[in-house]
Every structure is written in structure tokens, then in C-alpha cells.
Amino acid sequence: MLNQMTLNRLHEMKLSAMAEKYRTIAASAAEGQLSFDEWFGLLVDAEWDHRHTNRIARLMKKATLYFPNASVEDIEYRSDRKLNRSLLQELGTCRYILDKRNVILMGATGAGKTYIACALGTAACRNLYTVKYIRLPDLLNELAVARGEGCYMDVMKFYRKVSLLILDEWMLIPLTKTESRDLLEIVEARYERSSTIFCSQFAPPGWHERIAEDALADAVLDRIENSSYKILIDGDDSMRKRKGFQSE
């Protein structure tokens, strides 16, 4: 039998899912067939599921994924893409985030780098990791504005702490000296502390010439290459030569 006072108190404590489950069970024919432990377990499960779902929704909203509906399960493994299914499925478990490793997604425009990165971002949110998707030009602009407004360190702190940072359009255009230094600060701050996904039309050897100073380029590549899984989407040989891709 439904106890209205109990129901009201559940709502007052903001246990809305538990209250709704309580109402449902009390109105069902199974009410008298459940033990106290079964009753209580169903109420707790309902509240936990509700809060877990809401937490994932908040993480997804803050992630600002370009493809918010992308999922590892929906990645297409056509023969022409030459994707490593086992590796992507392994990445979908988010073990690489726990290990503080990175992922480099390489391929031509339209190859699907952004979708795969967002799919991995969705998997991370489902595993309750914080995620942020941003284009590299937008990140560098954000840092430049923050420097002018005196909140540079606050912005850097955010990008240092996020569990998975997805950087799209990585090294698409050459960087200035200031941008190169900002990039090193981001990479250094996250080195062996958190994970980053780099989406690029160029393999790492092609990044070097886009960073303003050789010493900065060496430092950036040193902190990324050896700790990253590399995935080439579409193994066209002509593209390998043009973009500097190398076989694994």
C-alpha cells in the first residue's frame, strides 16, 4: 500500500526516481510478493540508474562533441577504410585513458576521423570520464584571448584536468611561435597525466614543419608519439606518400 508521507519525503529529498518506482510497485500486483530486500533493492536501483543516466548526459553536454550521437558500435569497417577493428574495440573500453595514453587518427578530409574520435569520446563519457572536443585553431584562439583577459592560467588548468581532450584539425596549418609555445604548454601539462586524441591529415613527421621552432617541435612530438596508438584511415599508398604516413 502506498504511504503518501513516505512518497512526499522521497520527493523532498530529491529522490524522484526512487519515488516513482515506489509508486509503481505499490500499484502493481507484485507488491505483496516482494520481500523487504527486494522492495528496497528495486528502489535503490531505480535511483542509481536515474542519477547515472543524468551524469552521463551532463558529461556529454560538456564534451561538446561534433557528432554527439557517434558510438564505437556504429563505426563502419568497410574494406577500403582498412581499420583495425580489434584496436578500436579495445579503445572503446577506455583502458587507454586509465593508462594515460593518446590516440592519433590520421586520414584525408572526409575519411571519418572526427566521427571515430567522437565515438571514443562518447565511450569515455559512458565510463564517466570528462571529455572536451575542440578544433585546434579554436583552442589556440581561446588561449590567445585568455592571455589578453588575464585568465590564461585558468583556461590552462581546465585543459590540463580534462580526462580526454579531442583535438580536431591538428596541424592543419603552420603555427606561429606563440601558438607553438601554447601548444607545448598544453601537451606538457597533459603528458602522462591524461589522454588526448589528435585528428590530423598528416602523420607525425609532417607536424614538425608546422611548428615554428625545431626545439619546440621536437618537444611536442617527443611527448606525443611514443605514448600514442596510431590509426590510419584509408590506406591509399598515394596519400601515404603525400602526407608522410608511415606503416605501423
Foldseek 3Di string as FASTA:
>chain_A
DDDVVVLVVCVVVVQPQLSVLSVVLVPDPCVVVDDPVRNVVSSVVRSVVVVLVVQLVVLLVQQPQPPSPAALVPDDDDPQFVWDNVVLVVLLCVVLLVQLFEAEEAEDPPLCLSSSLNNSVSSCSNVVFRHHEDELVVLLVVLVVCVVVVNNVVSLVVLLPGQEYEYEAPLVAADDQVSLVVLLSSLVSSQSPHYYYYYYNADLVQNCVRYDDNVSSVSNCVSHVVRYHYIYTRPDPVSCVVRVNDDD
